[in-house]
């Protein structure tokens, strides 16, 4: 009888092990927008898969760290890698391409320029720059100069800068830039713009977003209009935000992950998903 029970127990254990699923989440850096997206992912997946093992780590804005985290997840043979931001998505794709581990991303502004098409799937947080400019001009109708803080090391930021420059040119608005290679550079970058721009716009640059509180402090001290593209920043000093709800982006991303875990759809089937809604948030209407 003991042998029979042992055999059955071992069989049950192996069966559970076969069905056990795990995912690894790589976040480019910690800031409110991506934190909200991560929360949406984790809550949605935890509710659907109570036994799902979820591990997340932050790359602290460093590509080398993102690669190391991706390698760790690949070594553990997770069922899916979820990348929050462009940098970890690129790292995960490069690491997992020979491991047959699918990569799902969230809040990647331009999957095409990031080289993610057909290699990963997920939800973009892109909002048309024309709409962004229209929204800013409602608050600052006579705007002649616009300042942007960005990290040229982020592929998404370089692409957004080009789009913003084109839009500014069409409207005879001068675009001035301030570079922040790391979060500790953000405050000084904001200070360089004071006195030379009519407004500051932070558009999905993760370095600037991580240091947004510093930008808000500098801008608000001189009552300089400050705009952003993440709804979560309206509580951190932005005058207005035109963008998606990042928590909902997380929920949508979790739905993509679910299709992978259930083996219903492939990366090619899923492709690029877009936010279900984009809203204008202001200080008095959140």
C-alpha atoms as a PDB file:
ATOM      1  CA  UNK A   1       0.000   0.000   0.000  1.00  0.00           C
ATOM      2  CA  UNK A   2       2.841   2.368   0.835  1.00  0.00           C
ATOM      3  CA  UNK A   3       4.362   1.844  -2.603  1.00  0.00           C
ATOM      4  CA  UNK A   4       1.037   2.526  -4.310  1.00  0.00           C
ATOM      5  CA  UNK A   5       0.483   5.764  -2.376  1.00  0.00           C
ATOM      6  CA  UNK A   6       4.037   6.873  -3.081  1.00  0.00           C
ATOM      7  CA  UNK A   7       3.620   6.227  -6.782  1.00  0.00           C
ATOM      8  CA  UNK A   8       0.334   8.132  -6.948  1.00  0.00           C
ATOM      9  CA  UNK A   9       1.805  11.027  -4.963  1.00  0.00           C
ATOM     10  CA  UNK A  10       4.798  11.179  -7.252  1.00  0.00           C
ATOM     11  CA  UNK A  11       2.518  11.117 -10.297  1.00  0.00           C
ATOM     12  CA  UNK A  12       0.433  13.983  -8.894  1.00  0.00           C
ATOM     13  CA  UNK A  13       3.558  15.988  -8.150  1.00  0.00           C
ATOM     14  CA  UNK A  14       4.884  15.526 -11.665  1.00  0.00           C
ATOM     15  CA  UNK A  15       1.514  16.415 -13.165  1.00  0.00           C
ATOM     16  CA  UNK A  16       1.350  19.643 -11.168  1.00  0.00           C
ATOM     17  CA  UNK A  17       4.923  20.456 -12.138  1.00  0.00           C
ATOM     18  CA  UNK A  18       4.060  20.015 -15.793  1.00  0.00           C
ATOM     19  CA  UNK A  19       1.173  22.445 -15.469  1.00  0.00           C
ATOM     20  CA  UNK A  20       2.974  24.973 -13.293  1.00  0.00           C
ATOM     21  CA  UNK A  21       3.604  28.210 -15.184  1.00  0.00           C
ATOM     22  CA  UNK A  22       6.016  31.047 -14.559  1.00  0.00           C
ATOM     23  CA  UNK A  23       6.738  34.439 -16.074  1.00  0.00           C
ATOM     24  CA  UNK A  24       9.529  36.941 -15.581  1.00  0.00           C
ATOM     25  CA  UNK A  25       8.894  40.687 -15.705  1.00  0.00           C
ATOM     26  CA  UNK A  26      11.718  43.085 -16.591  1.00  0.00           C
ATOM     27  CA  UNK A  27      11.007  46.756 -15.896  1.00  0.00           C
ATOM     28  CA  UNK A  28      13.337  49.300 -17.484  1.00  0.00           C
ATOM     29  CA  UNK A  29      13.230  51.588 -14.426  1.00  0.00           C
ATOM     30  CA  UNK A  30      10.842  52.322 -11.594  1.00  0.00           C
ATOM     31  CA  UNK A  31       8.464  55.237 -12.071  1.00  0.00           C
ATOM     32  CA  UNK A  32       4.692  55.649 -11.495  1.00  0.00           C
ATOM     33  CA  UNK A  33       3.577  54.901 -15.054  1.00  0.00           C
ATOM     34  CA  UNK A  34       5.406  51.592 -15.400  1.00  0.00           C
ATOM     35  CA  UNK A  35       4.630  50.701 -11.785  1.00  0.00           C
ATOM     36  CA  UNK A  36       0.922  51.046 -12.633  1.00  0.00           C
ATOM     37  CA  UNK A  37       1.308  48.922 -15.764  1.00  0.00           C
ATOM     38  CA  UNK A  38       3.111  46.261 -13.739  1.00  0.00           C
ATOM     39  CA  UNK A  39       0.345  46.283 -11.137  1.00  0.00           C
ATOM     40  CA  UNK A  40      -2.254  45.749 -13.865  1.00  0.00           C
ATOM     41  CA  UNK A  41      -0.294  42.826 -15.272  1.00  0.00           C
ATOM     42  CA  UNK A  42       0.279  41.110 -11.942  1.00  0.00           C
ATOM     43  CA  UNK A  43      -3.262  41.526 -10.605  1.00  0.00           C
ATOM     44  CA  UNK A  44      -4.918  40.352 -13.818  1.00  0.00           C
ATOM     45  CA  UNK A  45      -2.701  37.288 -14.201  1.00  0.00           C
ATOM     46  CA  UNK A  46      -2.830  36.391 -10.502  1.00  0.00           C
ATOM     47  CA  UNK A  47      -6.618  36.364 -10.606  1.00  0.00           C
ATOM     48  CA  UNK A  48      -6.727  34.093 -13.642  1.00  0.00           C
ATOM     49  CA  UNK A  49      -3.809  31.845 -12.643  1.00  0.00           C
ATOM     50  CA  UNK A  50      -3.615  31.608  -8.824  1.00  0.00           C
ATOM     51  CA  UNK A  51      -0.615  29.258  -9.027  1.00  0.00           C
ATOM     52  CA  UNK A  52       1.320  31.297 -11.578  1.00  0.00           C
ATOM     53  CA  UNK A  53       4.817  32.172 -10.392  1.00  0.00           C
ATOM     54  CA  UNK A  54       5.564  35.816 -11.179  1.00  0.00           C
ATOM     55  CA  UNK A  55       9.029  37.304 -10.714  1.00  0.00           C
ATOM     56  CA  UNK A  56       9.902  40.895 -11.534  1.00  0.00           C
ATOM     57  CA  UNK A  57      13.126  42.859 -11.506  1.00  0.00           C
ATOM     58  CA  UNK A  58      14.119  46.416 -12.401  1.00  0.00           C
ATOM     59  CA  UNK A  59      16.975  47.115 -14.823  1.00  0.00           C
ATOM     60  CA  UNK A  60      17.485  50.537 -13.209  1.00  0.00           C
ATOM     61  CA  UNK A  61      17.660  52.125 -16.653  1.00  0.00           C
ATOM     62  CA  UNK A  62      20.681  50.045 -17.669  1.00  0.00           C
ATOM     63  CA  UNK A  63      20.731  47.887 -20.817  1.00  0.00           C
ATOM     64  CA  UNK A  64      23.466  45.606 -19.469  1.00  0.00           C
ATOM     65  CA  UNK A  65      21.358  44.948 -16.370  1.00  0.00           C
ATOM     66  CA  UNK A  66      18.309  44.260 -18.539  1.00  0.00           C
ATOM     67  CA  UNK A  67      20.331  41.678 -20.476  1.00  0.00           C
ATOM     68  CA  UNK A  68      21.477  40.013 -17.242  1.00  0.00           C
ATOM     69  CA  UNK A  69      17.902  39.802 -15.969  1.00  0.00           C
ATOM     70  CA  UNK A  70      16.718  38.356 -19.282  1.00  0.00           C
ATOM     71  CA  UNK A  71      19.499  35.770 -19.130  1.00  0.00           C
ATOM     72  CA  UNK A  72      18.427  34.808 -15.615  1.00  0.00           C
ATOM     73  CA  UNK A  73      14.824  34.324 -16.705  1.00  0.00           C
ATOM     74  CA  UNK A  74      15.914  32.369 -19.782  1.00  0.00           C
ATOM     75  CA  UNK A  75      18.070  30.148 -17.591  1.00  0.00           C
ATOM     76  CA  UNK A  76      15.036  29.403 -15.433  1.00  0.00           C
ATOM     77  CA  UNK A  77      13.044  28.568 -18.583  1.00  0.00           C
ATOM     78  CA  UNK A  78      10.113  30.815 -17.722  1.00  0.00           C
ATOM     79  CA  UNK A  79       7.088  30.390 -19.962  1.00  0.00           C
ATOM     80  CA  UNK A  80       7.063  34.039 -20.971  1.00  0.00           C
ATOM     81  CA  UNK A  81       9.161  37.162 -20.452  1.00  0.00           C
ATOM     82  CA  UNK A  82       7.213  40.400 -20.015  1.00  0.00           C
ATOM     83  CA  UNK A  83       9.145  43.586 -20.740  1.00  0.00           C
ATOM     84  CA  UNK A  84       8.044  46.960 -19.410  1.00  0.00           C
ATOM     85  CA  UNK A  85       9.676  49.508 -21.698  1.00  0.00           C
ATOM     86  CA  UNK A  86      11.711  49.447 -24.896  1.00  0.00           C
ATOM     87  CA  UNK A  87      15.159  48.649 -23.475  1.00  0.00           C
ATOM     88  CA  UNK A  88      14.157  45.441 -21.648  1.00  0.00           C
ATOM     89  CA  UNK A  89      12.048  44.371 -24.637  1.00  0.00           C
ATOM     90  CA  UNK A  90      15.095  44.599 -26.895  1.00  0.00           C
ATOM     91  CA  UNK A  91      17.238  42.786 -24.334  1.00  0.00           C
ATOM     92  CA  UNK A  92      14.688  40.009 -23.857  1.00  0.00           C
ATOM     93  CA  UNK A  93      14.257  39.460 -27.598  1.00  0.00           C
ATOM     94  CA  UNK A  94      18.006  39.130 -28.118  1.00  0.00           C
ATOM     95  CA  UNK A  95      18.428  36.732 -25.203  1.00  0.00           C
ATOM     96  CA  UNK A  96      15.316  34.614 -25.749  1.00  0.00           C
ATOM     97  CA  UNK A  97      15.388  34.292 -29.549  1.00  0.00           C
ATOM     98  CA  UNK A  98      17.211  30.948 -29.377  1.00  0.00           C
ATOM     99  CA  UNK A  99      15.436  29.750 -26.229  1.00  0.00           C
ATOM    100  CA  UNK A 100      11.936  29.558 -27.714  1.00  0.00           C
ATOM    101  CA  UNK A 101      10.668  31.807 -24.915  1.00  0.00           C
ATOM    102  CA  UNK A 102       8.009  34.296 -26.071  1.00  0.00           C
ATOM    103  CA  UNK A 103       8.405  37.975 -25.187  1.00  0.00           C
ATOM    104  CA  UNK A 104       5.439  40.250 -24.490  1.00  0.00           C
ATOM    105  CA  UNK A 105       6.023  43.970 -23.986  1.00  0.00           C
ATOM    106  CA  UNK A 106       4.091  46.844 -22.440  1.00  0.00           C
ATOM    107  CA  UNK A 107       4.462  50.612 -22.863  1.00  0.00           C
ATOM    108  CA  UNK A 108       6.815  50.422 -25.836  1.00  0.00           C
ATOM    109  CA  UNK A 109       6.291  53.621 -27.812  1.00  0.00           C
ATOM    110  CA  UNK A 110       7.551  52.505 -31.224  1.00  0.00           C
ATOM    111  CA  UNK A 111       7.923  48.720 -31.590  1.00  0.00           C
ATOM    112  CA  UNK A 112       8.964  49.073 -35.238  1.00  0.00           C
ATOM    113  CA  UNK A 113      11.964  51.367 -34.699  1.00  0.00           C
ATOM    114  CA  UNK A 114      12.914  49.232 -31.693  1.00  0.00           C
ATOM    115  CA  UNK A 115      13.210  46.183 -33.964  1.00  0.00           C
ATOM    116  CA  UNK A 116      10.479  44.215 -32.199  1.00  0.00           C
ATOM    117  CA  UNK A 117       8.152  43.429 -35.106  1.00  0.00           C
ATOM    118  CA  UNK A 118       7.612  39.647 -35.468  1.00  0.00           C
ATOM    119  CA  UNK A 119      10.018  39.083 -32.565  1.00  0.00           C
ATOM    120  CA  UNK A 120       7.745  40.151 -29.710  1.00  0.00           C
ATOM    121  CA  UNK A 121       4.158  41.278 -29.212  1.00  0.00           C
ATOM    122  CA  UNK A 122       2.511  43.657 -26.821  1.00  0.00           C
ATOM    123  CA  UNK A 123       0.808  46.949 -26.093  1.00  0.00           C
ATOM    124  CA  UNK A 124       2.219  50.282 -27.222  1.00  0.00           C
ATOM    125  CA  UNK A 125       1.641  53.502 -25.285  1.00  0.00           C
ATOM    126  CA  UNK A 126       2.056  55.729 -28.331  1.00  0.00           C
ATOM    127  CA  UNK A 127      -0.152  58.804 -28.637  1.00  0.00           C
ATOM    128  CA  UNK A 128      -0.063  60.760 -31.892  1.00  0.00           C
ATOM    129  CA  UNK A 129       2.190  63.807 -31.485  1.00  0.00           C
ATOM    130  CA  UNK A 130      -0.264  65.977 -33.428  1.00  0.00           C
ATOM    131  CA  UNK A 131      -2.879  65.308 -30.757  1.00  0.00           C
ATOM    132  CA  UNK A 132      -0.318  66.019 -28.044  1.00  0.00           C
ATOM    133  CA  UNK A 133       0.547  69.376 -29.606  1.00  0.00           C
ATOM    134  CA  UNK A 134      -3.117  70.301 -30.037  1.00  0.00           C
ATOM    135  CA  UNK A 135      -3.700  69.609 -26.348  1.00  0.00           C
ATOM    136  CA  UNK A 136      -0.714  71.692 -25.219  1.00  0.00           C
ATOM    137  CA  UNK A 137      -1.762  74.645 -27.362  1.00  0.00           C
ATOM    138  CA  UNK A 138      -5.141  74.703 -25.630  1.00  0.00           C
ATOM    139  CA  UNK A 139      -3.299  75.596 -22.433  1.00  0.00           C
ATOM    140  CA  UNK A 140      -0.525  77.710 -23.983  1.00  0.00           C
ATOM    141  CA  UNK A 141      -2.041  79.111 -27.209  1.00  0.00           C
ATOM    142  CA  UNK A 142       0.865  81.486 -27.883  1.00  0.00           C
ATOM    143  CA  UNK A 143       3.601  78.904 -27.368  1.00  0.00           C
ATOM    144  CA  UNK A 144       6.703  79.733 -29.419  1.00  0.00           C
ATOM    145  CA  UNK A 145       9.255  77.414 -27.792  1.00  0.00           C
ATOM    146  CA  UNK A 146       8.858  73.921 -26.363  1.00  0.00           C
ATOM    147  CA  UNK A 147      11.400  72.126 -24.194  1.00  0.00           C
ATOM    148  CA  UNK A 148      11.948  68.373 -24.080  1.00  0.00           C
ATOM    149  CA  UNK A 149      14.073  66.379 -21.642  1.00  0.00           C
ATOM    150  CA  UNK A 150      15.216  63.047 -23.019  1.00  0.00           C
ATOM    151  CA  UNK A 151      17.820  60.302 -22.939  1.00  0.00           C
ATOM    152  CA  UNK A 152      19.329  59.675 -26.416  1.00  0.00           C
ATOM    153  CA  UNK A 153      20.173  56.162 -25.261  1.00  0.00           C
ATOM    154  CA  UNK A 154      16.477  55.241 -25.418  1.00  0.00           C
ATOM    155  CA  UNK A 155      15.384  54.283 -28.936  1.00  0.00           C
ATOM    156  CA  UNK A 156      11.800  55.304 -28.232  1.00  0.00           C
ATOM    157  CA  UNK A 157      12.910  58.781 -27.150  1.00  0.00           C
ATOM    158  CA  UNK A 158      14.938  59.358 -30.301  1.00  0.00           C
ATOM    159  CA  UNK A 159      11.949  58.458 -32.465  1.00  0.00           C
ATOM    160  CA  UNK A 160       9.580  60.646 -30.454  1.00  0.00           C
ATOM    161  CA  UNK A 161      12.018  63.543 -30.697  1.00  0.00           C
ATOM    162  CA  UNK A 162      11.967  63.303 -34.503  1.00  0.00           C
ATOM    163  CA  UNK A 163       8.174  63.254 -34.567  1.00  0.00           C
ATOM    164  CA  UNK A 164       7.942  66.179 -32.162  1.00  0.00           C
ATOM    165  CA  UNK A 165      10.485  68.180 -34.149  1.00  0.00           C
ATOM    166  CA  UNK A 166       8.477  67.648 -37.332  1.00  0.00           C
ATOM    167  CA  UNK A 167       5.284  68.749 -35.616  1.00  0.00           C
ATOM    168  CA  UNK A 168       6.940  71.831 -34.133  1.00  0.00           C
ATOM    169  CA  UNK A 169       8.330  72.796 -37.535  1.00  0.00           C
ATOM    170  CA  UNK A 170       4.843  72.656 -39.057  1.00  0.00           C
ATOM    171  CA  UNK A 171       3.584  75.034 -36.379  1.00  0.00           C
ATOM    172  CA  UNK A 172       6.582  77.395 -36.345  1.00  0.00           C
ATOM    173  CA  UNK A 173       7.437  76.366 -32.794  1.00  0.00           C
ATOM    174  CA  UNK A 174      11.088  76.128 -31.796  1.00  0.00           C
ATOM    175  CA  UNK A 175      12.043  72.885 -30.068  1.00  0.00           C
ATOM    176  CA  UNK A 176      14.774  72.984 -27.446  1.00  0.00           C
ATOM    177  CA  UNK A 177      16.225  69.836 -25.914  1.00  0.00           C
ATOM    178  CA  UNK A 178      17.996  69.002 -22.679  1.00  0.00           C
ATOM    179  CA  UNK A 179      19.747  65.654 -22.322  1.00  0.00           C
ATOM    180  CA  UNK A 180      19.553  63.478 -19.218  1.00  0.00           C
ATOM    181  CA  UNK A 181      21.613  60.298 -19.484  1.00  0.00           C
ATOM    182  CA  UNK A 182      20.597  59.172 -16.003  1.00  0.00           C
ATOM    183  CA  UNK A 183      17.963  60.075 -13.440  1.00  0.00           C
ATOM    184  CA  UNK A 184      20.373  62.245 -11.449  1.00  0.00           C
ATOM    185  CA  UNK A 185      20.787  64.435 -14.565  1.00  0.00           C
ATOM    186  CA  UNK A 186      17.090  65.218 -14.854  1.00  0.00           C
ATOM    187  CA  UNK A 187      16.932  68.158 -12.448  1.00  0.00           C
ATOM    188  CA  UNK A 188      19.835  70.015 -14.063  1.00  0.00           C
ATOM    189  CA  UNK A 189      18.369  69.318 -17.518  1.00  0.00           C
ATOM    190  CA  UNK A 190      15.108  70.941 -16.441  1.00  0.00           C
ATOM    191  CA  UNK A 191      16.951  73.924 -14.997  1.00  0.00           C
ATOM    192  CA  UNK A 192      18.715  74.497 -18.333  1.00  0.00           C
ATOM    193  CA  UNK A 193      15.348  74.983 -20.018  1.00  0.00           C
ATOM    194  CA  UNK A 194      14.009  77.545 -17.553  1.00  0.00           C
ATOM    195  CA  UNK A 195      13.832  80.998 -19.094  1.00  0.00           C
ATOM    196  CA  UNK A 196      14.206  79.772 -22.670  1.00  0.00           C
ATOM    197  CA  UNK A 197      10.979  77.814 -23.268  1.00  0.00           C
ATOM    198  CA  UNK A 198       7.252  78.453 -22.928  1.00  0.00           C
ATOM    199  CA  UNK A 199       6.518  74.906 -21.748  1.00  0.00           C
ATOM    200  CA  UNK A 200       8.163  71.548 -21.047  1.00  0.00           C
ATOM    201  CA  UNK A 201       6.909  68.251 -22.456  1.00  0.00           C
ATOM    202  CA  UNK A 202       7.904  64.834 -21.081  1.00  0.00           C
ATOM    203  CA  UNK A 203       6.886  62.222 -23.640  1.00  0.00           C
ATOM    204  CA  UNK A 204       7.509  58.611 -22.630  1.00  0.00           C
ATOM    205  CA  UNK A 205      11.221  58.996 -21.924  1.00  0.00           C
ATOM    206  CA  UNK A 206      11.821  56.604 -19.030  1.00  0.00           C
ATOM    207  CA  UNK A 207      14.770  58.525 -17.612  1.00  0.00           C
ATOM    208  CA  UNK A 208      12.788  61.768 -17.510  1.00  0.00           C
ATOM    209  CA  UNK A 209       9.736  59.963 -16.166  1.00  0.00           C
ATOM    210  CA  UNK A 210      11.757  58.425 -13.342  1.00  0.00           C
ATOM    211  CA  UNK A 211      12.916  61.921 -12.371  1.00  0.00           C
ATOM    212  CA  UNK A 212       9.621  63.657 -13.078  1.00  0.00           C
ATOM    213  CA  UNK A 213       9.232  64.941  -9.529  1.00  0.00           C
ATOM    214  CA  UNK A 214      12.417  66.970 -10.002  1.00  0.00           C
ATOM    215  CA  UNK A 215      11.165  68.396 -13.296  1.00  0.00           C
ATOM    216  CA  UNK A 216       7.852  69.344 -11.706  1.00  0.00           C
ATOM    217  CA  UNK A 217       9.571  71.083  -8.808  1.00  0.00           C
ATOM    218  CA  UNK A 218      11.764  73.156 -11.131  1.00  0.00           C
ATOM    219  CA  UNK A 219       8.888  74.038 -13.480  1.00  0.00           C
ATOM    220  CA  UNK A 220       6.314  74.793 -10.812  1.00  0.00           C
ATOM    221  CA  UNK A 221       8.673  77.123  -8.960  1.00  0.00           C
ATOM    222  CA  UNK A 222       8.439  79.512 -11.929  1.00  0.00           C
ATOM    223  CA  UNK A 223       4.881  78.548 -12.949  1.00  0.00           C
ATOM    224  CA  UNK A 224       6.099  77.030 -16.225  1.00  0.00           C
ATOM    225  CA  UNK A 225       3.525  74.823 -17.997  1.00  0.00           C
ATOM    226  CA  UNK A 226       4.494  71.162 -17.751  1.00  0.00           C
ATOM    227  CA  UNK A 227       2.921  68.468 -19.909  1.00  0.00           C
ATOM    228  CA  UNK A 228       3.345  64.700 -19.991  1.00  0.00           C
ATOM    229  CA  UNK A 229       1.972  61.572 -21.621  1.00  0.00           C
ATOM    230  CA  UNK A 230       1.288  59.382 -18.579  1.00  0.00           C
ATOM    231  CA  UNK A 231      -1.915  59.851 -16.588  1.00  0.00           C
ATOM    232  CA  UNK A 232      -0.184  58.963 -13.317  1.00  0.00           C
ATOM    233  CA  UNK A 233       1.882  62.161 -13.523  1.00  0.00           C
ATOM    234  CA  UNK A 234      -1.090  64.480 -13.089  1.00  0.00           C
ATOM    235  CA  UNK A 235      -0.654  63.975  -9.343  1.00  0.00           C
ATOM    236  CA  UNK A 236       3.043  64.799  -9.551  1.00  0.00           C
ATOM    237  CA  UNK A 237       2.800  68.309 -10.939  1.00  0.00           C
ATOM    238  CA  UNK A 238       1.882  68.025 -14.620  1.00  0.00           C
ATOM    239  CA  UNK A 239      -0.502  70.711 -15.856  1.00  0.00           C
ATOM    240  CA  UNK A 240      -2.166  68.292 -18.242  1.00  0.00           C
ATOM    241  CA  UNK A 241      -1.642  64.817 -19.658  1.00  0.00           C
ATOM    242  CA  UNK A 242      -2.934  63.303 -22.870  1.00  0.00           C
ATOM    243  CA  UNK A 243      -2.375  59.603 -22.639  1.00  0.00           C
ATOM    244  CA  UNK A 244      -3.640  56.138 -21.810  1.00  0.00           C
ATOM    245  CA  UNK A 245      -4.304  54.712 -18.376  1.00  0.00           C
ATOM    246  CA  UNK A 246      -1.128  52.730 -17.663  1.00  0.00           C
ATOM    247  CA  UNK A 247      -2.915  50.288 -15.350  1.00  0.00           C
ATOM    248  CA  UNK A 248      -5.249  49.421 -18.232  1.00  0.00           C
ATOM    249  CA  UNK A 249      -2.233  48.960 -20.501  1.00  0.00           C
ATOM    250  CA  UNK A 250      -1.087  46.422 -17.921  1.00  0.00           C
ATOM    251  CA  UNK A 251      -4.456  44.674 -18.072  1.00  0.00           C
ATOM    252  CA  UNK A 252      -4.281  44.513 -21.874  1.00  0.00           C
ATOM    253  CA  UNK A 253      -0.728  43.194 -21.675  1.00  0.00           C
ATOM    254  CA  UNK A 254      -1.861  40.481 -19.267  1.00  0.00           C
ATOM    255  CA  UNK A 255      -4.465  39.434 -21.824  1.00  0.00           C
ATOM    256  CA  UNK A 256      -1.682  38.945 -24.383  1.00  0.00           C
ATOM    257  CA  UNK A 257       0.333  36.928 -21.859  1.00  0.00           C
ATOM    258  CA  UNK A 258      -2.726  34.796 -21.150  1.00  0.00           C
ATOM    259  CA  UNK A 259      -3.027  33.893 -24.829  1.00  0.00           C
ATOM    260  CA  UNK A 260       0.594  32.739 -24.756  1.00  0.00           C
ATOM    261  CA  UNK A 261       0.245  30.746 -21.532  1.00  0.00           C
ATOM    262  CA  UNK A 262      -2.914  29.055 -22.801  1.00  0.00           C
ATOM    263  CA  UNK A 263      -1.183  28.421 -26.150  1.00  0.00           C
ATOM    264  CA  UNK A 264      -4.117  29.917 -28.032  1.00  0.00           C
ATOM    265  CA  UNK A 265      -2.167  32.490 -30.044  1.00  0.00           C
ATOM    266  CA  UNK A 266       1.437  33.082 -31.073  1.00  0.00           C
ATOM    267  CA  UNK A 267       3.583  36.219 -31.110  1.00  0.00           C
ATOM    268  CA  UNK A 268       2.812  36.664 -34.812  1.00  0.00           C
ATOM    269  CA  UNK A 269      -0.915  36.294 -34.152  1.00  0.00           C
ATOM    270  CA  UNK A 270      -0.895  38.929 -31.408  1.00  0.00           C
ATOM    271  CA  UNK A 271       1.267  41.617 -33.025  1.00  0.00           C
ATOM    272  CA  UNK A 272       0.908  45.192 -31.743  1.00  0.00           C
ATOM    273  CA  UNK A 273      -1.970  46.193 -29.486  1.00  0.00           C
ATOM    274  CA  UNK A 274      -3.064  49.773 -28.857  1.00  0.00           C
ATOM    275  CA  UNK A 275      -4.564  51.411 -25.753  1.00  0.00           C
ATOM    276  CA  UNK A 276      -8.326  51.020 -25.618  1.00  0.00           C
ATOM    277  CA  UNK A 277      -8.694  54.677 -24.733  1.00  0.00           C
ATOM    278  CA  UNK A 278      -6.621  57.865 -24.611  1.00  0.00           C
ATOM    279  CA  UNK A 279      -7.864  60.654 -22.361  1.00  0.00           C
ATOM    280  CA  UNK A 280      -6.976  64.224 -21.463  1.00  0.00           C
ATOM    281  CA  UNK A 281      -6.291  64.597 -17.750  1.00  0.00           C
ATOM    282  CA  UNK A 282      -5.937  67.955 -16.025  1.00  0.00           C
ATOM    283  CA  UNK A 283      -5.163  68.952 -12.461  1.00  0.00           C
ATOM    284  CA  UNK A 284      -8.817  69.534 -11.649  1.00  0.00           C
ATOM    285  CA  UNK A 285     -10.078  66.447 -13.488  1.00  0.00           C
ATOM    286  CA  UNK A 286      -8.298  63.176 -12.855  1.00  0.00           C
END
